[in-house]
PDB file of N, CA and C in Angstrom:
ATOM      1  N   MET A   1     106.579 111.271 121.957  1.00  0.00           N
ATOM      2  CA  MET A   1     105.840 110.282 121.213  1.00  0.00           C
ATOM      3  C   MET A   1     106.258 108.898 121.666  1.00  0.00           C
ATOM      4  N   LYS A   2     105.295 107.994 121.700  1.00  0.00           N
ATOM      5  CA  LYS A   2     105.561 106.655 122.199  1.00  0.00           C
ATOM      6  C   LYS A   2     105.821 105.653 121.081  1.00  0.00           C
ATOM      7  N   LYS A   3     105.147 105.851 119.935  1.00  0.00           N
ATOM      8  CA  LYS A   3     105.242 104.898 118.829  1.00  0.00           C
ATOM      9  C   LYS A   3     105.334 105.638 117.504  1.00  0.00           C
ATOM     10  N   ILE A   4     106.015 105.004 116.561  1.00  0.00           N
ATOM     11  CA  ILE A   4     106.051 105.468 115.174  1.00  0.00           C
ATOM     12  C   ILE A   4     105.749 104.257 114.307  1.00  0.00           C
ATOM     13  N   GLY A   5     104.845 104.432 113.348  1.00  0.00           N
ATOM     14  CA  GLY A   5     104.547 103.392 112.374  1.00  0.00           C
ATOM     15  C   GLY A   5     105.112 103.796 111.032  1.00  0.00           C
ATOM     16  N   ILE A   6     105.809 102.881 110.376  1.00  0.00           N
ATOM     17  CA  ILE A   6     106.431 103.172 109.092  1.00  0.00           C
ATOM     18  C   ILE A   6     106.040 102.096 108.091  1.00  0.00           C
ATOM     19  N   ASP A   7     105.526 102.527 106.936  1.00  0.00           N
ATOM     20  CA  ASP A   7     105.235 101.624 105.824  1.00  0.00           C
ATOM     21  C   ASP A   7     106.247 101.932 104.729  1.00  0.00           C
ATOM     22  N   ALA A   8     107.201 101.041 104.557  1.00  0.00           N
ATOM     23  CA  ALA A   8     108.266 101.239 103.570  1.00  0.00           C
ATOM     24  C   ALA A   8     107.876 100.544 102.275  1.00  0.00           C
ATOM     25  N   GLY A   9     107.316 101.301 101.361  1.00  0.00           N
ATOM     26  CA  GLY A   9     106.874 100.755 100.088  1.00  0.00           C
ATOM     27  C   GLY A   9     107.946 100.857  99.017  1.00  0.00           C
ATOM     28  N   GLY A  10     107.555 100.561  97.798  1.00  0.00           N
ATOM     29  CA  GLY A  10     108.484 100.576  96.681  1.00  0.00           C
ATOM     30  C   GLY A  10     108.915 101.966  96.269  1.00  0.00           C
ATOM     31  N   THR A  11     108.015 102.933  96.359  1.00  0.00           N
ATOM     32  CA  THR A  11     108.308 104.299  95.927  1.00  0.00           C
ATOM     33  C   THR A  11     108.360 105.270  97.097  1.00  0.00           C
ATOM     34  N   LEU A  12     107.405 105.123  98.027  1.00  0.00           N
ATOM     35  CA  LEU A  12     107.314 106.033  99.165  1.00  0.00           C
ATOM     36  C   LEU A  12     107.439 105.292 100.485  1.00  0.00           C
ATOM     37  N   VAL A  13     107.978 105.999 101.457  1.00  0.00           N
ATOM     38  CA  VAL A  13     107.986 105.524 102.834  1.00  0.00           C
ATOM     39  C   VAL A  13     107.041 106.448 103.586  1.00  0.00           C
ATOM     40  N   LYS A  14     105.968 105.859 104.145  1.00  0.00           N
ATOM     41  CA  LYS A  14     104.970 106.631 104.872  1.00  0.00           C
ATOM     42  C   LYS A  14     105.167 106.406 106.361  1.00  0.00           C
ATOM     43  N   LEU A  15     105.080 107.482 107.113  1.00  0.00           N
ATOM     44  CA  LEU A  15     105.344 107.437 108.544  1.00  0.00           C
ATOM     45  C   LEU A  15     104.197 108.131 109.263  1.00  0.00           C
ATOM     46  N   VAL A  16     103.756 107.567 110.376  1.00  0.00           N
ATOM     47  CA  VAL A  16     102.717 108.196 111.189  1.00  0.00           C
ATOM     48  C   VAL A  16     103.112 108.086 112.663  1.00  0.00           C
ATOM     49  N   TYR A  17     102.810 109.157 113.398  1.00  0.00           N
ATOM     50  CA  TYR A  17     103.041 109.147 114.838  1.00  0.00           C
ATOM     51  C   TYR A  17     101.985 110.025 115.491  1.00  0.00           C
ATOM     52  N   GLU A  18     101.752 109.760 116.758  1.00  0.00           N
ATOM     53  CA  GLU A  18     100.770 110.541 117.509  1.00  0.00           C
ATOM     54  C   GLU A  18     101.518 111.373 118.540  1.00  0.00           C
ATOM     55  N   GLU A  19     101.152 112.639 118.596  1.00  0.00           N
ATOM     56  CA  GLU A  19     101.772 113.553 119.545  1.00  0.00           C
ATOM     57  C   GLU A  19     100.699 114.496 120.059  1.00  0.00           C
ATOM     58  N   ASN A  20     100.542 114.558 121.368  1.00  0.00           N
ATOM     59  CA  ASN A  20      99.526 115.408 121.996  1.00  0.00           C
ATOM     60  C   ASN A  20      98.129 115.139 121.438  1.00  0.00           C
ATOM     61  N   GLY A  21      97.808 113.855 121.223  1.00  0.00           N
ATOM     62  CA  GLY A  21      96.494 113.476 120.742  1.00  0.00           C
ATOM     63  C   GLY A  21      96.246 113.740 119.270  1.00  0.00           C
ATOM     64  N   GLN A  22      97.244 114.189 118.557  1.00  0.00           N
ATOM     65  CA  GLN A  22      97.116 114.533 117.132  1.00  0.00           C
ATOM     66  C   GLN A  22      97.975 113.579 116.308  1.00  0.00           C
ATOM     67  N   LEU A  23      97.396 113.028 115.233  1.00  0.00           N
ATOM     68  CA  LEU A  23      98.173 112.184 114.336  1.00  0.00           C
ATOM     69  C   LEU A  23      98.938 113.042 113.336  1.00  0.00           C
ATOM     70  N   HIS A  24     100.173 112.671 113.090  1.00  0.00           N
ATOM     71  CA  HIS A  24     101.031 113.378 112.136  1.00  0.00           C
ATOM     72  C   HIS A  24     101.517 112.381 111.092  1.00  0.00           C
ATOM     73  N   PHE A  25     101.471 112.802 109.838  1.00  0.00           N
ATOM     74  CA  PHE A  25     101.894 111.946 108.733  1.00  0.00           C
ATOM     75  C   PHE A  25     103.055 112.603 108.000  1.00  0.00           C
ATOM     76  N   LYS A  26     104.028 111.798 107.616  1.00  0.00           N
ATOM     77  CA  LYS A  26     105.157 112.274 106.824  1.00  0.00           C
ATOM     78  C   LYS A  26     105.406 111.257 105.720  1.00  0.00           C
ATOM     79  N   THR A  27     105.888 111.718 104.594  1.00  0.00           N
ATOM     80  CA  THR A  27     106.286 110.811 103.523  1.00  0.00           C
ATOM     81  C   THR A  27     107.698 111.149 103.069  1.00  0.00           C
ATOM     82  N   TYR A  28     108.399 110.130 102.667  1.00  0.00           N
ATOM     83  CA  TYR A  28     109.741 110.261 102.122  1.00  0.00           C
ATOM     84  C   TYR A  28     109.830 109.375 100.886  1.00  0.00           C
ATOM     85  N   SER A  29     110.634 109.761  99.943  1.00  0.00           N
ATOM     86  CA  SER A  29     110.945 108.895  98.816  1.00  0.00           C
ATOM     87  C   SER A  29     111.821 107.759  99.329  1.00  0.00           C
ATOM     88  N   THR A  30     111.689 106.589  98.747  1.00  0.00           N
ATOM     89  CA  THR A  30     112.538 105.481  99.196  1.00  0.00           C
ATOM     90  C   THR A  30     114.020 105.792  98.971  1.00  0.00           C
ATOM     91  N   SER A  31     114.295 106.711  98.059  1.00  0.00           N
ATOM     92  CA  SER A  31     115.693 107.098  97.854  1.00  0.00           C
ATOM     93  C   SER A  31     116.211 107.973  99.001  1.00  0.00           C
ATOM     94  N   ASN A  32     115.301 108.434  99.887  1.00  0.00           N
ATOM     95  CA  ASN A  32     115.683 109.275 101.034  1.00  0.00           C
ATOM     96  C   ASN A  32     115.507 108.554 102.368  1.00  0.00           C
ATOM     97  N   MET A  33     115.645 107.245 102.374  1.00  0.00           N
ATOM     98  CA  MET A  33     115.448 106.507 103.627  1.00  0.00           C
ATOM     99  C   MET A  33     116.484 106.890 104.678  1.00  0.00           C
ATOM    100  N   THR A  34     117.654 107.311 104.266  1.00  0.00           N
ATOM    101  CA  THR A  34     118.656 107.768 105.226  1.00  0.00           C
ATOM    102  C   THR A  34     118.170 109.020 105.937  1.00  0.00           C
ATOM    103  N   LYS A  35     117.543 109.917 105.185  1.00  0.00           N
ATOM    104  CA  LYS A  35     116.989 111.144 105.775  1.00  0.00           C
ATOM    105  C   LYS A  35     115.886 110.801 106.784  1.00  0.00           C
ATOM    106  N   LEU A  36     115.029 109.853 106.438  1.00  0.00           N
ATOM    107  CA  LEU A  36     113.976 109.410 107.349  1.00  0.00           C
ATOM    108  C   LEU A  36     114.588 108.826 108.613  1.00  0.00           C
ATOM    109  N   ALA A  37     115.565 107.961 108.468  1.00  0.00           N
ATOM    110  CA  ALA A  37     116.207 107.337 109.633  1.00  0.00           C
ATOM    111  C   ALA A  37     116.859 108.388 110.521  1.00  0.00           C
ATOM    112  N   ASP A  38     117.501 109.370 109.912  1.00  0.00           N
ATOM    113  CA  ASP A  38     118.119 110.451 110.701  1.00  0.00           C
ATOM    114  C   ASP A  38     117.066 111.226 111.473  1.00  0.00           C
ATOM    115  N   TRP A  39     115.923 111.520 110.837  1.00  0.00           N
ATOM    116  CA  TRP A  39     114.845 112.261 111.499  1.00  0.00           C
ATOM    117  C   TRP A  39     114.302 111.457 112.683  1.00  0.00           C
ATOM    118  N   VAL A  40     114.054 110.172 112.457  1.00  0.00           N
ATOM    119  CA  VAL A  40     113.528 109.322 113.536  1.00  0.00           C
ATOM    120  C   VAL A  40     114.505 109.288 114.701  1.00  0.00           C
ATOM    121  N   ARG A  41     115.761 109.095 114.433  1.00  0.00           N
ATOM    122  CA  ARG A  41     116.759 109.045 115.514  1.00  0.00           C
ATOM    123  C   ARG A  41     116.833 110.366 116.275  1.00  0.00           C
ATOM    124  N   MET A  42     116.645 111.470 115.558  1.00  0.00           N
ATOM    125  CA  MET A  42     116.753 112.788 116.180  1.00  0.00           C
ATOM    126  C   MET A  42     115.565 113.091 117.106  1.00  0.00           C
ATOM    127  N   VAL A  43     114.346 112.770 116.662  1.00  0.00           N
ATOM    128  CA  VAL A  43     113.161 113.190 117.422  1.00  0.00           C
ATOM    129  C   VAL A  43     112.515 112.078 118.240  1.00  0.00           C
ATOM    130  N   ALA A  44     112.914 110.856 118.028  1.00  0.00           N
ATOM    131  CA  ALA A  44     112.159 109.761 118.629  1.00  0.00           C
ATOM    132  C   ALA A  44     113.027 108.818 119.454  1.00  0.00           C
ATOM    133  N   GLN A  45     113.845 109.370 120.297  1.00  0.00           N
ATOM    134  CA  GLN A  45     114.618 108.517 121.184  1.00  0.00           C
ATOM    135  C   GLN A  45     113.671 107.860 122.176  1.00  0.00           C
ATOM    136  N   ASN A  46     113.917 106.610 122.492  1.00  0.00           N
ATOM    137  CA  ASN A  46     113.057 105.828 123.396  1.00  0.00           C
ATOM    138  C   ASN A  46     111.640 105.672 122.868  1.00  0.00           C
ATOM    139  N   THR A  47     111.499 105.600 121.560  1.00  0.00           N
ATOM    140  CA  THR A  47     110.199 105.423 120.916  1.00  0.00           C
ATOM    141  C   THR A  47     110.157 104.059 120.252  1.00  0.00           C
ATOM    142  N   ARG A  48     109.016 103.377 120.357  1.00  0.00           N
ATOM    143  CA  ARG A  48     108.839 102.083 119.679  1.00  0.00           C
ATOM    144  C   ARG A  48     108.640 102.341 118.198  1.00  0.00           C
ATOM    145  N   ILE A  49     109.343 101.606 117.368  1.00  0.00           N
ATOM    146  CA  ILE A  49     109.259 101.759 115.923  1.00  0.00           C
ATOM    147  C   ILE A  49     108.676 100.476 115.341  1.00  0.00           C
ATOM    148  N   PHE A  50     107.586 100.635 114.595  1.00  0.00           N
ATOM    149  CA  PHE A  50     106.930  99.507 113.950  1.00  0.00           C
ATOM    150  C   PHE A  50     107.043  99.693 112.446  1.00  0.00           C
ATOM    151  N   ILE A  51     107.506  98.650 111.753  1.00  0.00           N
ATOM    152  CA  ILE A  51     107.792  98.753 110.328  1.00  0.00           C
ATOM    153  C   ILE A  51     107.030  97.681 109.566  1.00  0.00           C
ATOM    154  N   THR A  52     106.533  98.053 108.388  1.00  0.00           N
ATOM    155  CA  THR A  52     105.900  97.108 107.488  1.00  0.00           C
ATOM    156  C   THR A  52     106.238  97.503 106.056  1.00  0.00           C
ATOM    157  N   GLY A  53     105.881  96.682 105.124  1.00  0.00           N
ATOM    158  CA  GLY A  53     106.071  97.013 103.715  1.00  0.00           C
ATOM    159  C   GLY A  53     107.207  96.255 103.063  1.00  0.00           C
ATOM    160  N   GLY A  54     107.258  96.364 101.738  1.00  0.00           N
ATOM    161  CA  GLY A  54     108.228  95.634 100.935  1.00  0.00           C
ATOM    162  C   GLY A  54     109.673  95.983 101.235  1.00  0.00           C
ATOM    163  N   LYS A  55     109.941  97.206 101.642  1.00  0.00           N
ATOM    164  CA  LYS A  55     111.308  97.619 101.983  1.00  0.00           C
ATOM    165  C   LYS A  55     111.500  97.674 103.498  1.00  0.00           C
ATOM    166  N   GLY A  56     110.569  97.063 104.222  1.00  0.00           N
ATOM    167  CA  GLY A  56     110.638  97.072 105.677  1.00  0.00           C
ATOM    168  C   GLY A  56     111.877  96.399 106.237  1.00  0.00           C
ATOM    169  N   ALA A  57     112.328  95.330 105.589  1.00  0.00           N
ATOM    170  CA  ALA A  57     113.509  94.618 106.077  1.00  0.00           C
ATOM    171  C   ALA A  57     114.743  95.519 106.050  1.00  0.00           C
ATOM    172  N   LYS A  58     114.824  96.371 105.029  1.00  0.00           N
ATOM    173  CA  LYS A  58     115.961  97.290 104.943  1.00  0.00           C
ATOM    174  C   LYS A  58     115.946  98.275 106.115  1.00  0.00           C
ATOM    175  N   LEU A  59     114.766  98.822 106.425  1.00  0.00           N
ATOM    176  CA  LEU A  59     114.668  99.736 107.568  1.00  0.00           C
ATOM    177  C   LEU A  59     114.896  99.009 108.886  1.00  0.00           C
ATOM    178  N   LYS A  60     114.433  97.780 108.974  1.00  0.00           N
ATOM    179  CA  LYS A  60     114.656  96.990 110.189  1.00  0.00           C
ATOM    180  C   LYS A  60     116.150  96.852 110.456  1.00  0.00           C
ATOM    181  N   ARG A  61     116.923  96.620 109.406  1.00  0.00           N
ATOM    182  CA  ARG A  61     118.376  96.529 109.573  1.00  0.00           C
ATOM    183  C   ARG A  61     118.950  97.873 110.018  1.00  0.00           C
ATOM    184  N   THR A  62     118.372  98.964 109.520  1.00  0.00           N
ATOM    185  CA  THR A  62     118.845 100.300 109.884  1.00  0.00           C
ATOM    186  C   THR A  62     118.618 100.581 111.366  1.00  0.00           C
ATOM    187  N   PHE A  63     117.418 100.245 111.867  1.00  0.00           N
ATOM    188  CA  PHE A  63     117.076 100.540 113.264  1.00  0.00           C
ATOM    189  C   PHE A  63     117.445  99.410 114.216  1.00  0.00           C
ATOM    190  N   GLY A  64     117.702  98.237 113.698  1.00  0.00           N
ATOM    191  CA  GLY A  64     118.118  97.113 114.529  1.00  0.00           C
ATOM    192  C   GLY A  64     117.004  96.584 115.414  1.00  0.00           C
ATOM    193  N   GLN A  65     117.395  96.111 116.582  1.00  0.00           N
ATOM    194  CA  GLN A  65     116.451  95.461 117.489  1.00  0.00           C
ATOM    195  C   GLN A  65     115.413  96.415 118.054  1.00  0.00           C
ATOM    196  N   ASP A  66     115.624  97.720 117.915  1.00  0.00           N
ATOM    197  CA  ASP A  66     114.650  98.687 118.412  1.00  0.00           C
ATOM    198  C   ASP A  66     113.376  98.701 117.577  1.00  0.00           C
ATOM    199  N   ALA A  67     113.448  98.143 116.374  1.00  0.00           N
ATOM    200  CA  ALA A  67     112.293  98.162 115.470  1.00  0.00           C
ATOM    201  C   ALA A  67     111.630  96.794 115.415  1.00  0.00           C
ATOM    202  N   ILE A  68     110.321  96.821 115.267  1.00  0.00           N
ATOM    203  CA  ILE A  68     109.545  95.594 115.159  1.00  0.00           C
ATOM    204  C   ILE A  68     108.927  95.562 113.768  1.00  0.00           C
ATOM    205  N   GLN A  69     109.215  94.493 113.021  1.00  0.00           N
ATOM    206  CA  GLN A  69     108.652  94.369 111.680  1.00  0.00           C
ATOM    207  C   GLN A  69     107.362  93.564 111.764  1.00  0.00           C
ATOM    208  N   LEU A  70     106.298  94.108 111.156  1.00  0.00           N
ATOM    209  CA  LEU A  70     104.977  93.498 111.196  1.00  0.00           C
ATOM    210  C   LEU A  70     104.498  93.150 109.795  1.00  0.00           C
ATOM    211  N   GLU A  71     103.515  92.254 109.736  1.00  0.00           N
ATOM    212  CA  GLU A  71     102.902  91.867 108.472  1.00  0.00           C
ATOM    213  C   GLU A  71     102.024  93.022 107.967  1.00  0.00           C
ATOM    214  N   GLU A  72     102.139  93.337 106.689  1.00  0.00           N
ATOM    215  CA  GLU A  72     101.537  94.548 106.142  1.00  0.00           C
ATOM    216  C   GLU A  72     100.006  94.556 106.171  1.00  0.00           C
ATOM    217  N   PHE A  73      99.360  93.495 105.715  1.00  0.00           N
ATOM    218  CA  PHE A  73      97.906  93.535 105.598  1.00  0.00           C
ATOM    219  C   PHE A  73      97.230  93.694 106.959  1.00  0.00           C
ATOM    220  N   SER A  74      97.676  92.947 107.948  1.00  0.00           N
ATOM    221  CA  SER A  74      97.037  93.039 109.270  1.00  0.00           C
ATOM    222  C   SER A  74      97.241  94.419 109.892  1.00  0.00           C
ATOM    223  N   THR A  75      98.385  95.058 109.621  1.00  0.00           N
ATOM    224  CA  THR A  75      98.596  96.400 110.163  1.00  0.00           C
ATOM    225  C   THR A  75      97.693  97.416 109.484  1.00  0.00           C
ATOM    226  N   GLN A  76      97.394  97.207 108.192  1.00  0.00           N
ATOM    227  CA  GLN A  76      96.452  98.103 107.504  1.00  0.00           C
ATOM    228  C   GLN A  76      95.057  97.979 108.112  1.00  0.00           C
ATOM    229  N   VAL A  77      94.645  96.758 108.408  1.00  0.00           N
ATOM    230  CA  VAL A  77      93.337  96.534 109.030  1.00  0.00           C
ATOM    231  C   VAL A  77      93.304  97.167 110.424  1.00  0.00           C
ATOM    232  N   ASP A  78      94.342  96.946 111.216  1.00  0.00           N
ATOM    233  CA  ASP A  78      94.397  97.526 112.559  1.00  0.00           C
ATOM    234  C   ASP A  78      94.372  99.058 112.504  1.00  0.00           C
ATOM    235  N   GLY A  79      95.130  99.635 111.566  1.00  0.00           N
ATOM    236  CA  GLY A  79      95.164 101.088 111.420  1.00  0.00           C
ATOM    237  C   GLY A  79      93.828 101.657 111.000  1.00  0.00           C
ATOM    238  N   THR A  80      93.155 100.970 110.096  1.00  0.00           N
ATOM    239  CA  THR A  80      91.827 101.413 109.651  1.00  0.00           C
ATOM    240  C   THR A  80      90.847 101.377 110.811  1.00  0.00           C
ATOM    241  N   ASN A  81      90.856 100.307 111.577  1.00  0.00           N
ATOM    242  CA  ASN A  81      89.963 100.212 112.736  1.00  0.00           C
ATOM    243  C   ASN A  81      90.250 101.301 113.758  1.00  0.00           C
ATOM    244  N   TYR A  82      91.529 101.591 113.976  1.00  0.00           N
ATOM    245  CA  TYR A  82      91.915 102.653 114.911  1.00  0.00           C
ATOM    246  C   TYR A  82      91.357 104.005 114.446  1.00  0.00           C
ATOM    247  N   LEU A  83      91.525 104.304 113.169  1.00  0.00           N
ATOM    248  CA  LEU A  83      91.035 105.583 112.636  1.00  0.00           C
ATOM    249  C   LEU A  83      89.507 105.663 112.692  1.00  0.00           C
ATOM    250  N   LEU A  84      88.824 104.566 112.414  1.00  0.00           N
ATOM    251  CA  LEU A  84      87.359 104.565 112.491  1.00  0.00           C
ATOM    252  C   LEU A  84      86.877 104.808 113.921  1.00  0.00           C
ATOM    253  N   LYS A  85      87.512 104.189 114.901  1.00  0.00           N
ATOM    254  CA  LYS A  85      87.144 104.411 116.296  1.00  0.00           C
ATOM    255  C   LYS A  85      87.418 105.845 116.716  1.00  0.00           C
ATOM    256  N   LYS A  86      88.543 106.387 116.276  1.00  0.00           N
ATOM    257  CA  LYS A  86      88.892 107.767 116.597  1.00  0.00           C
ATOM    258  C   LYS A  86      87.879 108.731 115.986  1.00  0.00           C
ATOM    259  N   ALA A  87      87.477 108.481 114.746  1.00  0.00           N
ATOM    260  CA  ALA A  87      86.490 109.325 114.064  1.00  0.00           C
ATOM    261  C   ALA A  87      85.123 109.201 114.731  1.00  0.00           C
ATOM    262  N   GLU A  88      84.786 108.011 115.179  1.00  0.00           N
ATOM    263  CA  GLU A  88      83.503 107.771 115.827  1.00  0.00           C
ATOM    264  C   GLU A  88      83.374 108.596 117.112  1.00  0.00           C
ATOM    265  N   LYS A  89      84.442 108.746 117.836  1.00  0.00           N
ATOM    266  CA  LYS A  89      84.422 109.531 119.078  1.00  0.00           C
ATOM    267  C   LYS A  89      84.164 111.010 118.798  1.00  0.00           C
ATOM    268  N   ARG A  90      84.628 111.488 117.643  1.00  0.00           N
ATOM    269  CA  ARG A  90      84.451 112.897 117.301  1.00  0.00           C
ATOM    270  C   ARG A  90      83.124 113.157 116.595  1.00  0.00           C
ATOM    271  N   LEU A  91      82.473 112.083 116.167  1.00  0.00           N
ATOM    272  CA  LEU A  91      81.237 112.225 115.405  1.00  0.00           C
ATOM    273  C   LEU A  91      80.081 112.549 116.334  1.00  0.00           C
ATOM    274  N   MET A  92      79.383 113.600 116.046  1.00  0.00           N
ATOM    275  CA  MET A  92      78.231 113.981 116.866  1.00  0.00           C
ATOM    276  C   MET A  92      76.994 113.908 115.995  1.00  0.00           C
ATOM    277  N   ILE A  93      76.060 113.092 116.405  1.00  0.00           N
ATOM    278  CA  ILE A  93      74.838 112.923 115.622  1.00  0.00           C
ATOM    279  C   ILE A  93      73.693 113.541 116.403  1.00  0.00           C
ATOM    280  N   THR A  94      72.936 114.385 115.746  1.00  0.00           N
ATOM    281  CA  THR A  94      71.756 114.975 116.382  1.00  0.00           C
ATOM    282  C   THR A  94      70.512 114.571 115.595  1.00  0.00           C
ATOM    283  N   TYR A  95      69.464 114.350 116.320  1.00  0.00           N
ATOM    284  CA  TYR A  95      68.186 113.999 115.713  1.00  0.00           C
ATOM    285  C   TYR A  95      67.195 115.103 115.995  1.00  0.00           C
ATOM    286  N   SER A  96      66.352 115.411 115.021  1.00  0.00           N
ATOM    287  CA  SER A  96      65.326 116.435 115.267  1.00  0.00           C
ATOM    288  C   SER A  96      63.949 115.861 115.089  1.00  0.00           C
TER     289      SER A  96
END
């Protein structure tokens, strides 16, 4: 995997990554951020980590300079556009 996106919210930490053309989603309780960090370190060596959300600064400190913290609203818009484009490619419309 090349990139991991993490939204560290108040209650849940949501994580998404793409592997073999398939998107994978994971969630963790904010009380289990250590478990999330351990999982990321184990499976995602040499992977770009992008973080957003209210608890993003805490995760940024955990991952250090390897992580990039982004503004939350713009990342939601970018993610939505990405998913819409991906869905559009799979959409087949037939006319009769």
